[in-house]
Amino acid sequence: MPDQDFRIAETAKYRVLLVDDDQNLLDSFRRMLKDEFDIFSAEDGQEALDVMDTCGPFTVIVSDLKMPGMDGIELLSRVSRTHPDTVRILLTGHADMQAAMDASNKGYVYRFLTKPCPPDLLRLTLSDACRHAQLLRDQRELFALKHCKVLLEGIVRGFSTLVEARDAYLAGHQQRVTALALAMGREMGLSADELDTLRIAGLLHDIGKVYVPADFLNRPGILRAEELSVIQMHPEVGYDILKHLDQDWPVAVIIRQHHERMDGSGYPQGLNGRFITQGARILAVADVVDAMCSHRPYRPSLGITAALAEIEKNRGRLYDERAANVCLMLFRERGYRLEGALIEP
């Protein structure tokens, strides 16, 4: 099938289909190559197509040019359409060289070999073809991953917008927190993968608030204890929403821990510093700074001076000391500003 993948286990052999109307030649090739490749054969073009449909996919097909009925060029041109992942090699005589070159130029053929073909040259060509097939597969997977990343980016930003739409006071909060967290992460030497994880976690760190009644989020005045406890469960709810993501991509864990504190006084788990991930430590500082600088239903903005004083006063106790120091440096020495901060993808 054209969309089948020829994923091969480390211990498996690459699968090669040999097509030639000379049975003696096929037997010779099979004996010569059987220890290195998983060899199949066919004696004409139609049989080759049938074998590919019933026994495929194949990594490489090697076809003679002159055969009764369907010649090698027609066969390989069909294979290029129906099994594009299969690498195609044409065997030809010197008199047929122009036809072979035309087939190659049209993209039907990866490489052509002249008959009689020395065994070592055929073996080397098959090895090159298998490497080429692997390269094609890797390129296709890379393209698919890039496409998935674009889709994921749209989904993440959609969820982020959904959360903020339920709480007018959260407008722009997740974006600003993410931008500050990334600026801190770069200063702290996080890798590209760690920064990407931090970015996704930042954009979604309040996703658990979709389960909090909007009345709780937007009500002026002090919340009752039971209402506050519901709001304080949003990191846990966010974790539950995202916990099925790849365990090597700790977005859900960072979201769960972004309200934890180094001395164990945070929520929802009351973890102390040694159990809090680096991403959550960074996000915690960025979240506090933006929250204190933002208007809330129960108070006006406290301003950046008060926010930085809070971080400075409690660094090492509530907030990771290194993350706190980097945050203070960005604002006081680098002139960092929350307003209009951009999030780099």
C-alpha atoms as a PDB file:
ATOM      1  CA  MET A   1       0.000   0.000   0.000  1.00  0.00           C
ATOM      2  CA  PRO A   2       1.376   3.482  -0.805  1.00  0.00           C
ATOM      3  CA  ASP A   3       0.965   4.755   2.719  1.00  0.00           C
ATOM      4  CA  GLN A   4       2.561   1.744   4.411  1.00  0.00           C
ATOM      5  CA  ASP A   5       5.719   2.342   6.374  1.00  0.00           C
ATOM      6  CA  PHE A   6       8.638  -0.040   6.055  1.00  0.00           C
ATOM      7  CA  ARG A   7       9.752   0.295   9.681  1.00  0.00           C
ATOM      8  CA  ILE A   8      12.257  -2.464  10.280  1.00  0.00           C
ATOM      9  CA  ALA A   9      13.485  -3.792  13.587  1.00  0.00           C
ATOM     10  CA  GLU A  10      17.147  -3.361  14.347  1.00  0.00           C
ATOM     11  CA  THR A  11      17.757  -7.110  13.782  1.00  0.00           C
ATOM     12  CA  ALA A  12      15.586  -7.424  10.627  1.00  0.00           C
ATOM     13  CA  LYS A  13      16.905  -7.352   7.074  1.00  0.00           C
ATOM     14  CA  TYR A  14      15.844  -4.841   4.470  1.00  0.00           C
ATOM     15  CA  ARG A  15      13.339  -6.367   2.049  1.00  0.00           C
ATOM     16  CA  VAL A  16      14.377  -6.428  -1.613  1.00  0.00           C
ATOM     17  CA  LEU A  17      12.314  -7.505  -4.637  1.00  0.00           C
ATOM     18  CA  LEU A  18      14.290  -8.734  -7.674  1.00  0.00           C
ATOM     19  CA  VAL A  19      12.515  -8.794 -11.041  1.00  0.00           C
ATOM     20  CA  ASP A  20      13.987 -10.570 -14.078  1.00  0.00           C
ATOM     21  CA  ASP A  21      12.749 -13.115 -16.643  1.00  0.00           C
ATOM     22  CA  ASP A  22      16.006 -15.048 -16.269  1.00  0.00           C
ATOM     23  CA  GLN A  23      15.357 -17.551 -13.457  1.00  0.00           C
ATOM     24  CA  ASN A  24      19.039 -18.548 -13.302  1.00  0.00           C
ATOM     25  CA  LEU A  25      20.021 -14.918 -12.719  1.00  0.00           C
ATOM     26  CA  LEU A  26      17.396 -14.569  -9.974  1.00  0.00           C
ATOM     27  CA  ASP A  27      18.698 -17.720  -8.271  1.00  0.00           C
ATOM     28  CA  SER A  28      22.248 -16.391  -8.473  1.00  0.00           C
ATOM     29  CA  PHE A  29      21.272 -13.020  -6.968  1.00  0.00           C
ATOM     30  CA  ARG A  30      19.286 -14.720  -4.219  1.00  0.00           C
ATOM     31  CA  ARG A  31      22.235 -16.909  -3.183  1.00  0.00           C
ATOM     32  CA  MET A  32      24.566 -13.938  -3.275  1.00  0.00           C
ATOM     33  CA  LEU A  33      22.385 -11.568  -1.238  1.00  0.00           C
ATOM     34  CA  LYS A  34      20.339 -13.758   1.098  1.00  0.00           C
ATOM     35  CA  ASP A  35      22.634 -13.263   4.114  1.00  0.00           C
ATOM     36  CA  GLU A  36      22.308  -9.470   3.964  1.00  0.00           C
ATOM     37  CA  PHE A  37      18.805  -8.877   2.635  1.00  0.00           C
ATOM     38  CA  ASP A  38      15.372 -10.478   2.762  1.00  0.00           C
ATOM     39  CA  ILE A  39      15.033 -11.413  -0.923  1.00  0.00           C
ATOM     40  CA  PHE A  40      11.807 -11.850  -2.922  1.00  0.00           C
ATOM     41  CA  SER A  41      11.630 -12.394  -6.684  1.00  0.00           C
ATOM     42  CA  ALA A  42       9.313 -12.133  -9.688  1.00  0.00           C
ATOM     43  CA  GLU A  43       9.784 -13.120 -13.314  1.00  0.00           C
ATOM     44  CA  ASP A  44       7.798 -10.334 -15.000  1.00  0.00           C
ATOM     45  CA  GLY A  45       6.295  -6.919 -14.322  1.00  0.00           C
ATOM     46  CA  GLN A  46       2.761  -8.017 -13.496  1.00  0.00           C
ATOM     47  CA  GLU A  47       3.980 -10.683 -11.078  1.00  0.00           C
ATOM     48  CA  ALA A  48       6.165  -8.035  -9.442  1.00  0.00           C
ATOM     49  CA  LEU A  49       3.167  -5.744  -8.901  1.00  0.00           C
ATOM     50  CA  ASP A  50       1.203  -8.666  -7.446  1.00  0.00           C
ATOM     51  CA  VAL A  51       4.065  -9.525  -5.091  1.00  0.00           C
ATOM     52  CA  MET A  52       4.326  -5.907  -3.945  1.00  0.00           C
ATOM     53  CA  ASP A  53       0.604  -5.752  -3.215  1.00  0.00           C
ATOM     54  CA  THR A  54       0.495  -9.049  -1.336  1.00  0.00           C
ATOM     55  CA  CYS A  55       3.919  -9.201   0.320  1.00  0.00           C
ATOM     56  CA  GLY A  56       4.957  -5.531   0.496  1.00  0.00           C
ATOM     57  CA  PRO A  57       6.134  -3.082   1.458  1.00  0.00           C
ATOM     58  CA  PHE A  58       9.660  -3.465   0.089  1.00  0.00           C
ATOM     59  CA  THR A  59      12.606  -1.225   0.744  1.00  0.00           C
ATOM     60  CA  VAL A  60      14.115  -1.689  -2.727  1.00  0.00           C
ATOM     61  CA  ILE A  61      12.975  -3.117  -6.068  1.00  0.00           C
ATOM     62  CA  VAL A  62      15.576  -4.097  -8.711  1.00  0.00           C
ATOM     63  CA  SER A  63      14.147  -4.718 -12.179  1.00  0.00           C
ATOM     64  CA  ASP A  64      15.567  -5.765 -15.514  1.00  0.00           C
ATOM     65  CA  LEU A  65      14.686  -3.418 -18.366  1.00  0.00           C
ATOM     66  CA  LYS A  66      13.787  -5.913 -21.113  1.00  0.00           C
ATOM     67  CA  MET A  67      11.116  -8.402 -20.063  1.00  0.00           C
ATOM     68  CA  PRO A  68       8.138  -9.908 -21.908  1.00  0.00           C
ATOM     69  CA  GLY A  69       4.952  -7.890 -21.554  1.00  0.00           C
ATOM     70  CA  MET A  70       5.612  -5.008 -19.200  1.00  0.00           C
ATOM     71  CA  ASP A  71       9.180  -3.709 -19.435  1.00  0.00           C
ATOM     72  CA  GLY A  72      11.211  -2.489 -16.485  1.00  0.00           C
ATOM     73  CA  ILE A  73      10.613   1.210 -17.105  1.00  0.00           C
ATOM     74  CA  GLU A  74       6.832   0.803 -17.138  1.00  0.00           C
ATOM     75  CA  LEU A  75       7.026  -1.381 -14.016  1.00  0.00           C
ATOM     76  CA  LEU A  76       9.120   1.097 -12.058  1.00  0.00           C
ATOM     77  CA  SER A  77       7.010   4.028 -13.198  1.00  0.00           C
ATOM     78  CA  ARG A  78       3.950   2.248 -11.761  1.00  0.00           C
ATOM     79  CA  VAL A  79       5.826   1.448  -8.573  1.00  0.00           C
ATOM     80  CA  SER A  80       6.790   5.111  -8.233  1.00  0.00           C
ATOM     81  CA  ARG A  81       3.071   5.965  -8.103  1.00  0.00           C
ATOM     82  CA  THR A  82       1.722   3.084  -6.032  1.00  0.00           C
ATOM     83  CA  HIS A  83       4.685   2.482  -3.691  1.00  0.00           C
ATOM     84  CA  PRO A  84       6.639   5.767  -3.640  1.00  0.00           C
ATOM     85  CA  ASP A  85       8.658   4.774  -0.555  1.00  0.00           C
ATOM     86  CA  THR A  86      10.234   1.826  -2.375  1.00  0.00           C
ATOM     87  CA  VAL A  87      13.613   2.752  -3.880  1.00  0.00           C
ATOM     88  CA  ARG A  88      13.807   1.738  -7.551  1.00  0.00           C
ATOM     89  CA  ILE A  89      16.868   0.359  -9.390  1.00  0.00           C
ATOM     90  CA  LEU A  90      16.966  -0.575 -13.100  1.00  0.00           C
ATOM     91  CA  LEU A  91      19.230  -3.224 -14.664  1.00  0.00           C
ATOM     92  CA  THR A  92      19.996  -2.523 -18.318  1.00  0.00           C
ATOM     93  CA  GLY A  93      22.373  -3.347 -21.138  1.00  0.00           C
ATOM     94  CA  HIS A  94      24.659  -0.764 -22.762  1.00  0.00           C
ATOM     95  CA  ALA A  95      22.373  -0.602 -25.795  1.00  0.00           C
ATOM     96  CA  ASP A  96      19.507   0.529 -23.574  1.00  0.00           C
ATOM     97  CA  MET A  97      21.448   3.261 -21.807  1.00  0.00           C
ATOM     98  CA  GLN A  98      19.431   6.165 -23.220  1.00  0.00           C
ATOM     99  CA  ALA A  99      16.156   4.610 -22.097  1.00  0.00           C
ATOM    100  CA  ALA A 100      17.609   4.071 -18.623  1.00  0.00           C
ATOM    101  CA  MET A 101      18.785   7.674 -18.440  1.00  0.00           C
ATOM    102  CA  ASP A 102      15.358   8.926 -19.508  1.00  0.00           C
ATOM    103  CA  ALA A 103      13.707   6.813 -16.799  1.00  0.00           C
ATOM    104  CA  SER A 104      16.111   8.210 -14.226  1.00  0.00           C
ATOM    105  CA  ASN A 105      15.486  11.793 -15.327  1.00  0.00           C
ATOM    106  CA  LYS A 106      11.734  11.286 -15.016  1.00  0.00           C
ATOM    107  CA  GLY A 107      12.128  10.132 -11.425  1.00  0.00           C
ATOM    108  CA  TYR A 108      11.132   6.524 -12.004  1.00  0.00           C
ATOM    109  CA  VAL A 109      14.594   5.233 -11.076  1.00  0.00           C
ATOM    110  CA  TYR A 110      16.931   5.968  -8.168  1.00  0.00           C
ATOM    111  CA  ARG A 111      19.904   4.374  -9.935  1.00  0.00           C
ATOM    112  CA  PHE A 112      20.585   2.145 -12.923  1.00  0.00           C
ATOM    113  CA  LEU A 113      23.164  -0.623 -13.330  1.00  0.00           C
ATOM    114  CA  THR A 114      24.515  -2.235 -16.494  1.00  0.00           C
ATOM    115  CA  LYS A 115      24.363  -5.955 -17.116  1.00  0.00           C
ATOM    116  CA  PRO A 116      26.173  -8.091 -16.310  1.00  0.00           C
ATOM    117  CA  CYS A 117      26.377  -6.411 -12.915  1.00  0.00           C
ATOM    118  CA  PRO A 118      29.371  -7.315 -10.706  1.00  0.00           C
ATOM    119  CA  PRO A 119      28.147  -8.807  -7.393  1.00  0.00           C
ATOM    120  CA  ASP A 120      30.038  -6.332  -5.233  1.00  0.00           C
ATOM    121  CA  LEU A 121      28.584  -3.394  -7.162  1.00  0.00           C
ATOM    122  CA  LEU A 122      25.044  -4.731  -6.770  1.00  0.00           C
ATOM    123  CA  ARG A 123      25.580  -5.306  -3.061  1.00  0.00           C
ATOM    124  CA  LEU A 124      26.981  -1.799  -2.598  1.00  0.00           C
ATOM    125  CA  THR A 125      24.137  -0.245  -4.616  1.00  0.00           C
ATOM    126  CA  LEU A 126      21.520  -2.059  -2.548  1.00  0.00           C
ATOM    127  CA  SER A 127      23.149  -0.813   0.641  1.00  0.00           C
ATOM    128  CA  ASP A 128      23.114   2.750  -0.694  1.00  0.00           C
ATOM    129  CA  ALA A 129      19.465   2.357  -1.690  1.00  0.00           C
ATOM    130  CA  CYS A 130      18.525   1.170   1.808  1.00  0.00           C
ATOM    131  CA  ARG A 131      20.262   4.176   3.346  1.00  0.00           C
ATOM    132  CA  HIS A 132      18.399   6.393   0.896  1.00  0.00           C
ATOM    133  CA  ALA A 133      15.103   4.770   1.906  1.00  0.00           C
ATOM    134  CA  GLN A 134      15.901   5.412   5.564  1.00  0.00           C
ATOM    135  CA  LEU A 135      16.683   9.045   4.785  1.00  0.00           C
ATOM    136  CA  LEU A 136      13.364   9.439   2.981  1.00  0.00           C
ATOM    137  CA  ARG A 137      11.523   7.949   5.940  1.00  0.00           C
ATOM    138  CA  ASP A 138      13.322  10.251   8.383  1.00  0.00           C
ATOM    139  CA  GLN A 139      12.491  13.287   6.258  1.00  0.00           C
ATOM    140  CA  ARG A 140       8.841  12.282   6.121  1.00  0.00           C
ATOM    141  CA  GLU A 141       8.708  11.830   9.890  1.00  0.00           C
ATOM    142  CA  LEU A 142      10.382  15.201  10.394  1.00  0.00           C
ATOM    143  CA  PHE A 143       7.794  16.852   8.165  1.00  0.00           C
ATOM    144  CA  ALA A 144       5.013  15.119  10.112  1.00  0.00           C
ATOM    145  CA  LEU A 145       6.505  16.283  13.409  1.00  0.00           C
ATOM    146  CA  LYS A 146       6.707  19.865  12.160  1.00  0.00           C
ATOM    147  CA  HIS A 147       3.095  19.676  11.047  1.00  0.00           C
ATOM    148  CA  CYS A 148       2.059  18.283  14.437  1.00  0.00           C
ATOM    149  CA  LYS A 149       3.963  21.071  16.158  1.00  0.00           C
ATOM    150  CA  VAL A 150       2.032  23.676  14.172  1.00  0.00           C
ATOM    151  CA  LEU A 151      -1.239  21.976  15.094  1.00  0.00           C
ATOM    152  CA  LEU A 152      -0.201  21.738  18.735  1.00  0.00           C
ATOM    153  CA  GLU A 153       0.695  25.414  18.774  1.00  0.00           C
ATOM    154  CA  GLY A 154      -2.800  26.309  17.590  1.00  0.00           C
ATOM    155  CA  ILE A 155      -4.417  24.014  20.148  1.00  0.00           C
ATOM    156  CA  VAL A 156      -2.327  25.410  22.989  1.00  0.00           C
ATOM    157  CA  ARG A 157      -3.137  29.007  22.119  1.00  0.00           C
ATOM    158  CA  GLY A 158      -6.794  28.083  21.725  1.00  0.00           C
ATOM    159  CA  PHE A 159      -6.922  26.590  25.215  1.00  0.00           C
ATOM    160  CA  SER A 160      -5.069  29.584  26.599  1.00  0.00           C
ATOM    161  CA  THR A 161      -7.629  31.928  25.046  1.00  0.00           C
ATOM    162  CA  LEU A 162     -10.463  29.781  26.392  1.00  0.00           C
ATOM    163  CA  VAL A 163      -9.196  30.114  29.951  1.00  0.00           C
ATOM    164  CA  GLU A 164      -8.772  33.871  29.696  1.00  0.00           C
ATOM    165  CA  ALA A 165     -12.208  34.302  28.116  1.00  0.00           C
ATOM    166  CA  ARG A 166     -13.780  33.042  31.350  1.00  0.00           C
ATOM    167  CA  ASP A 167     -11.921  35.557  33.485  1.00  0.00           C
ATOM    168  CA  ALA A 168     -11.581  39.130  32.235  1.00  0.00           C
ATOM    169  CA  TYR A 169      -8.878  39.763  34.819  1.00  0.00           C
ATOM    170  CA  LEU A 170      -6.710  37.021  33.305  1.00  0.00           C
ATOM    171  CA  ALA A 171      -6.531  38.690  29.887  1.00  0.00           C
ATOM    172  CA  GLY A 172      -2.919  38.439  28.711  1.00  0.00           C
ATOM    173  CA  HIS A 173      -1.775  36.928  32.014  1.00  0.00           C
ATOM    174  CA  GLN A 174      -0.649  33.567  30.667  1.00  0.00           C
ATOM    175  CA  GLN A 175       1.166  35.202  27.741  1.00  0.00           C
ATOM    176  CA  ARG A 176       3.008  37.651  30.007  1.00  0.00           C
ATOM    177  CA  VAL A 177       3.915  34.932  32.492  1.00  0.00           C
ATOM    178  CA  THR A 178       5.211  32.759  29.664  1.00  0.00           C
ATOM    179  CA  ALA A 179       7.310  35.563  28.189  1.00  0.00           C
ATOM    180  CA  LEU A 180       8.904  36.345  31.558  1.00  0.00           C
ATOM    181  CA  ALA A 181       9.479  32.664  32.341  1.00  0.00           C
ATOM    182  CA  LEU A 182      11.212  32.186  28.985  1.00  0.00           C
ATOM    183  CA  ALA A 183      13.421  35.233  29.539  1.00  0.00           C
ATOM    184  CA  MET A 184      14.406  33.787  32.914  1.00  0.00           C
ATOM    185  CA  GLY A 185      14.945  30.323  31.448  1.00  0.00           C
ATOM    186  CA  ARG A 186      17.309  31.646  28.792  1.00  0.00           C
ATOM    187  CA  GLU A 187      19.361  33.463  31.409  1.00  0.00           C
ATOM    188  CA  MET A 188      19.476  30.248  33.445  1.00  0.00           C
ATOM    189  CA  GLY A 189      20.826  28.261  30.499  1.00  0.00           C
ATOM    190  CA  LEU A 190      17.842  26.035  29.755  1.00  0.00           C
ATOM    191  CA  SER A 191      18.105  23.967  26.595  1.00  0.00           C
ATOM    192  CA  ALA A 192      15.870  24.541  23.566  1.00  0.00           C
ATOM    193  CA  ASP A 193      13.719  21.544  24.533  1.00  0.00           C
ATOM    194  CA  GLU A 194      13.402  22.754  28.131  1.00  0.00           C
ATOM    195  CA  LEU A 195      12.411  26.216  26.930  1.00  0.00           C
ATOM    196  CA  ASP A 196       9.801  24.751  24.613  1.00  0.00           C
ATOM    197  CA  THR A 197       8.342  22.717  27.485  1.00  0.00           C
ATOM    198  CA  LEU A 198       8.338  25.816  29.690  1.00  0.00           C
ATOM    199  CA  ARG A 199       6.586  27.813  26.975  1.00  0.00           C
ATOM    200  CA  ILE A 200       3.759  25.299  26.612  1.00  0.00           C
ATOM    201  CA  ALA A 201       3.389  24.980  30.383  1.00  0.00           C
ATOM    202  CA  GLY A 202       3.297  28.755  30.745  1.00  0.00           C
ATOM    203  CA  LEU A 203       0.605  29.212  28.144  1.00  0.00           C
ATOM    204  CA  LEU A 204      -1.522  26.525  29.820  1.00  0.00           C
ATOM    205  CA  HIS A 205      -0.624  26.953  33.495  1.00  0.00           C
ATOM    206  CA  ASP A 206      -4.134  28.153  34.427  1.00  0.00           C
ATOM    207  CA  ILE A 207      -6.034  25.694  32.229  1.00  0.00           C
ATOM    208  CA  GLY A 208      -7.470  24.062  35.360  1.00  0.00           C
ATOM    209  CA  LYS A 209      -9.547  27.191  35.939  1.00  0.00           C
ATOM    210  CA  VAL A 210     -11.974  26.004  33.249  1.00  0.00           C
ATOM    211  CA  TYR A 211     -13.489  23.912  36.059  1.00  0.00           C
ATOM    212  CA  VAL A 212     -13.737  26.842  38.489  1.00  0.00           C
ATOM    213  CA  PRO A 213     -17.153  28.597  38.494  1.00  0.00           C
ATOM    214  CA  ALA A 214     -16.837  31.962  36.744  1.00  0.00           C
ATOM    215  CA  ASP A 215     -18.551  33.595  39.725  1.00  0.00           C
ATOM    216  CA  PHE A 216     -15.611  32.614  41.940  1.00  0.00           C
ATOM    217  CA  LEU A 217     -13.095  34.082  39.503  1.00  0.00           C
ATOM    218  CA  ASN A 218     -14.819  37.429  38.957  1.00  0.00           C
ATOM    219  CA  ARG A 219     -16.444  38.183  42.311  1.00  0.00           C
ATOM    220  CA  PRO A 220     -15.198  41.315  44.111  1.00  0.00           C
ATOM    221  CA  GLY A 221     -14.308  40.963  47.752  1.00  0.00           C
ATOM    222  CA  ILE A 222     -12.855  38.161  49.820  1.00  0.00           C
ATOM    223  CA  LEU A 223     -13.753  34.587  48.891  1.00  0.00           C
ATOM    224  CA  ARG A 224     -15.067  32.124  51.461  1.00  0.00           C
ATOM    225  CA  ALA A 225     -12.707  29.331  52.508  1.00  0.00           C
ATOM    226  CA  GLU A 226     -14.559  26.680  50.506  1.00  0.00           C
ATOM    227  CA  GLU A 227     -14.521  28.890  47.398  1.00  0.00           C
ATOM    228  CA  LEU A 228     -10.810  29.531  47.771  1.00  0.00           C
ATOM    229  CA  SER A 229     -10.170  25.797  48.125  1.00  0.00           C
ATOM    230  CA  VAL A 230     -11.925  25.213  44.801  1.00  0.00           C
ATOM    231  CA  ILE A 231      -9.734  27.808  43.063  1.00  0.00           C
ATOM    232  CA  GLN A 232      -6.604  26.323  44.654  1.00  0.00           C
ATOM    233  CA  MET A 233      -7.380  22.993  43.018  1.00  0.00           C
ATOM    234  CA  HIS A 234      -6.812  24.423  39.532  1.00  0.00           C
ATOM    235  CA  PRO A 235      -3.181  23.206  39.312  1.00  0.00           C
ATOM    236  CA  GLU A 236      -4.356  19.669  40.104  1.00  0.00           C
ATOM    237  CA  VAL A 237      -7.183  19.913  37.585  1.00  0.00           C
ATOM    238  CA  GLY A 238      -4.735  21.195  34.964  1.00  0.00           C
ATOM    239  CA  TYR A 239      -2.515  18.212  35.689  1.00  0.00           C
ATOM    240  CA  ASP A 240      -5.438  15.817  35.271  1.00  0.00           C
ATOM    241  CA  ILE A 241      -6.286  17.375  31.896  1.00  0.00           C
ATOM    242  CA  LEU A 242      -2.751  17.060  30.539  1.00  0.00           C
ATOM    243  CA  LYS A 243      -1.260  14.100  32.436  1.00  0.00           C
ATOM    244  CA  HIS A 244      -1.580  11.754  29.469  1.00  0.00           C
ATOM    245  CA  LEU A 245       1.005  13.704  27.503  1.00  0.00           C
ATOM    246  CA  ASP A 246       4.396  12.068  26.946  1.00  0.00           C
ATOM    247  CA  GLN A 247       6.027  11.490  30.346  1.00  0.00           C
ATOM    248  CA  ASP A 248       9.327  12.753  28.930  1.00  0.00           C
ATOM    249  CA  TRP A 249       7.587  16.097  28.301  1.00  0.00           C
ATOM    250  CA  PRO A 250       6.730  17.290  31.836  1.00  0.00           C
ATOM    251  CA  VAL A 251       4.228  20.016  30.939  1.00  0.00           C
ATOM    252  CA  ALA A 252       1.549  18.555  33.222  1.00  0.00           C
ATOM    253  CA  VAL A 253       3.941  18.269  36.173  1.00  0.00           C
ATOM    254  CA  ILE A 254       5.080  21.890  35.827  1.00  0.00           C
ATOM    255  CA  ILE A 255       1.451  23.041  35.728  1.00  0.00           C
ATOM    256  CA  ARG A 256       0.634  20.963  38.809  1.00  0.00           C
ATOM    257  CA  GLN A 257       3.539  22.473  40.756  1.00  0.00           C
ATOM    258  CA  HIS A 258       3.481  26.140  39.747  1.00  0.00           C
ATOM    259  CA  HIS A 259       1.871  27.178  43.066  1.00  0.00           C
ATOM    260  CA  GLU A 260       4.173  25.059  45.218  1.00  0.00           C
ATOM    261  CA  ARG A 261       6.665  26.882  47.434  1.00  0.00           C
ATOM    262  CA  MET A 262      10.217  26.012  48.401  1.00  0.00           C
ATOM    263  CA  ASP A 263       9.351  25.743  52.122  1.00  0.00           C
ATOM    264  CA  GLY A 264       6.398  23.424  51.495  1.00  0.00           C
ATOM    265  CA  SER A 265       3.720  26.055  52.156  1.00  0.00           C
ATOM    266  CA  GLY A 266       2.273  25.997  48.626  1.00  0.00           C
ATOM    267  CA  TYR A 267      -0.504  23.979  47.048  1.00  0.00           C
ATOM    268  CA  PRO A 268      -1.972  21.583  45.945  1.00  0.00           C
ATOM    269  CA  GLN A 269       0.547  19.008  47.246  1.00  0.00           C
ATOM    270  CA  GLY A 270       2.542  21.018  49.766  1.00  0.00           C
ATOM    271  CA  LEU A 271       5.853  19.971  48.202  1.00  0.00           C
ATOM    272  CA  ASN A 272       9.145  21.330  49.429  1.00  0.00           C
ATOM    273  CA  GLY A 273      11.867  22.559  47.115  1.00  0.00           C
ATOM    274  CA  ARG A 274      13.697  19.331  46.383  1.00  0.00           C
ATOM    275  CA  PHE A 275      10.540  17.851  44.834  1.00  0.00           C
ATOM    276  CA  ILE A 276       9.654  20.888  42.693  1.00  0.00           C
ATOM    277  CA  THR A 277      10.790  20.782  39.058  1.00  0.00           C
ATOM    278  CA  GLN A 278      12.948  23.559  37.666  1.00  0.00           C
ATOM    279  CA  GLY A 279      10.248  24.624  35.207  1.00  0.00           C
ATOM    280  CA  ALA A 280       7.721  25.007  38.030  1.00  0.00           C
ATOM    281  CA  ARG A 281      10.201  27.038  40.103  1.00  0.00           C
ATOM    282  CA  ILE A 282      10.677  29.466  37.224  1.00  0.00           C
ATOM    283  CA  LEU A 283       6.974  29.647  36.425  1.00  0.00           C
ATOM    284  CA  ALA A 284       6.117  30.285  40.089  1.00  0.00           C
ATOM    285  CA  VAL A 285       8.239  33.432  40.189  1.00  0.00           C
ATOM    286  CA  ALA A 286       6.931  34.739  36.865  1.00  0.00           C
ATOM    287  CA  ASP A 287       3.336  34.016  37.909  1.00  0.00           C
ATOM    288  CA  VAL A 288       3.645  35.926  41.190  1.00  0.00           C
ATOM    289  CA  VAL A 289       5.210  38.952  39.513  1.00  0.00           C
ATOM    290  CA  ASP A 290       2.495  39.256  36.880  1.00  0.00           C
ATOM    291  CA  ALA A 291      -0.327  38.475  39.316  1.00  0.00           C
ATOM    292  CA  MET A 292       0.775  41.242  41.683  1.00  0.00           C
ATOM    293  CA  CYS A 293       1.056  43.665  38.769  1.00  0.00           C
ATOM    294  CA  SER A 294      -2.415  42.817  37.449  1.00  0.00           C
ATOM    295  CA  HIS A 295      -5.791  44.089  38.553  1.00  0.00           C
ATOM    296  CA  ARG A 296      -7.949  41.576  40.367  1.00  0.00           C
ATOM    297  CA  PRO A 297     -11.649  41.715  41.331  1.00  0.00           C
ATOM    298  CA  TYR A 298     -10.680  42.055  44.982  1.00  0.00           C
ATOM    299  CA  ARG A 299      -7.813  44.583  44.590  1.00  0.00           C
ATOM    300  CA  PRO A 300      -6.109  46.934  42.136  1.00  0.00           C
ATOM    301  CA  SER A 301      -2.650  46.270  40.728  1.00  0.00           C
ATOM    302  CA  LEU A 302       0.079  46.404  43.392  1.00  0.00           C
ATOM    303  CA  GLY A 303       2.727  47.445  40.860  1.00  0.00           C
ATOM    304  CA  ILE A 304       6.100  46.096  39.817  1.00  0.00           C
ATOM    305  CA  THR A 305       7.955  47.613  42.770  1.00  0.00           C
ATOM    306  CA  ALA A 306       5.836  45.674  45.250  1.00  0.00           C
ATOM    307  CA  ALA A 307       6.080  42.519  43.129  1.00  0.00           C
ATOM    308  CA  LEU A 308       9.866  42.622  43.007  1.00  0.00           C
ATOM    309  CA  ALA A 309      10.022  43.384  46.727  1.00  0.00           C
ATOM    310  CA  GLU A 310       7.954  40.241  47.365  1.00  0.00           C
ATOM    311  CA  ILE A 311      10.319  38.128  45.274  1.00  0.00           C
ATOM    312  CA  GLU A 312      13.389  39.647  46.930  1.00  0.00           C
ATOM    313  CA  LYS A 313      12.015  39.245  50.455  1.00  0.00           C
ATOM    314  CA  ASN A 314      11.069  35.594  50.015  1.00  0.00           C
ATOM    315  CA  ARG A 315      13.754  34.278  47.667  1.00  0.00           C
ATOM    316  CA  GLY A 316      15.192  31.076  49.026  1.00  0.00           C
ATOM    317  CA  ARG A 317      12.178  30.590  51.318  1.00  0.00           C
ATOM    318  CA  LEU A 318       9.109  30.676  49.068  1.00  0.00           C
ATOM    319  CA  TYR A 319      10.795  31.066  45.694  1.00  0.00           C
ATOM    320  CA  ASP A 320      13.766  29.348  44.143  1.00  0.00           C
ATOM    321  CA  GLU A 321      16.737  31.587  44.881  1.00  0.00           C
ATOM    322  CA  ARG A 322      18.356  31.354  41.472  1.00  0.00           C
ATOM    323  CA  ALA A 323      15.093  31.967  39.616  1.00  0.00           C
ATOM    324  CA  ALA A 324      14.318  34.901  41.912  1.00  0.00           C
ATOM    325  CA  ASN A 325      17.758  36.459  41.385  1.00  0.00           C
ATOM    326  CA  VAL A 326      17.474  36.150  37.606  1.00  0.00           C
ATOM    327  CA  CYS A 327      14.018  37.730  37.671  1.00  0.00           C
ATOM    328  CA  LEU A 328      15.237  40.661  39.759  1.00  0.00           C
ATOM    329  CA  MET A 329      18.212  41.126  37.454  1.00  0.00           C
ATOM    330  CA  LEU A 330      16.025  41.198  34.340  1.00  0.00           C
ATOM    331  CA  PHE A 331      13.840  43.989  35.691  1.00  0.00           C
ATOM    332  CA  ARG A 332      16.446  46.017  37.568  1.00  0.00           C
ATOM    333  CA  GLU A 333      19.447  45.683  35.266  1.00  0.00           C
ATOM    334  CA  ARG A 334      18.074  44.729  31.851  1.00  0.00           C
ATOM    335  CA  GLY A 335      15.009  46.961  31.867  1.00  0.00           C
ATOM    336  CA  TYR A 336      12.562  44.107  31.304  1.00  0.00           C
ATOM    337  CA  ARG A 337       8.878  45.121  31.097  1.00  0.00           C
ATOM    338  CA  LEU A 338       5.755  42.991  31.348  1.00  0.00           C
ATOM    339  CA  GLU A 339       3.643  45.124  29.026  1.00  0.00           C
ATOM    340  CA  GLY A 340       3.733  43.983  25.420  1.00  0.00           C
ATOM    341  CA  ALA A 341       6.139  41.135  26.076  1.00  0.00           C
ATOM    342  CA  LEU A 342       6.348  38.770  23.083  1.00  0.00           C
ATOM    343  CA  ILE A 343       6.408  34.996  23.312  1.00  0.00           C
ATOM    344  CA  GLU A 344       8.900  33.503  20.893  1.00  0.00           C
ATOM    345  CA  PRO A 345       7.778  30.164  19.425  1.00  0.00           C
END
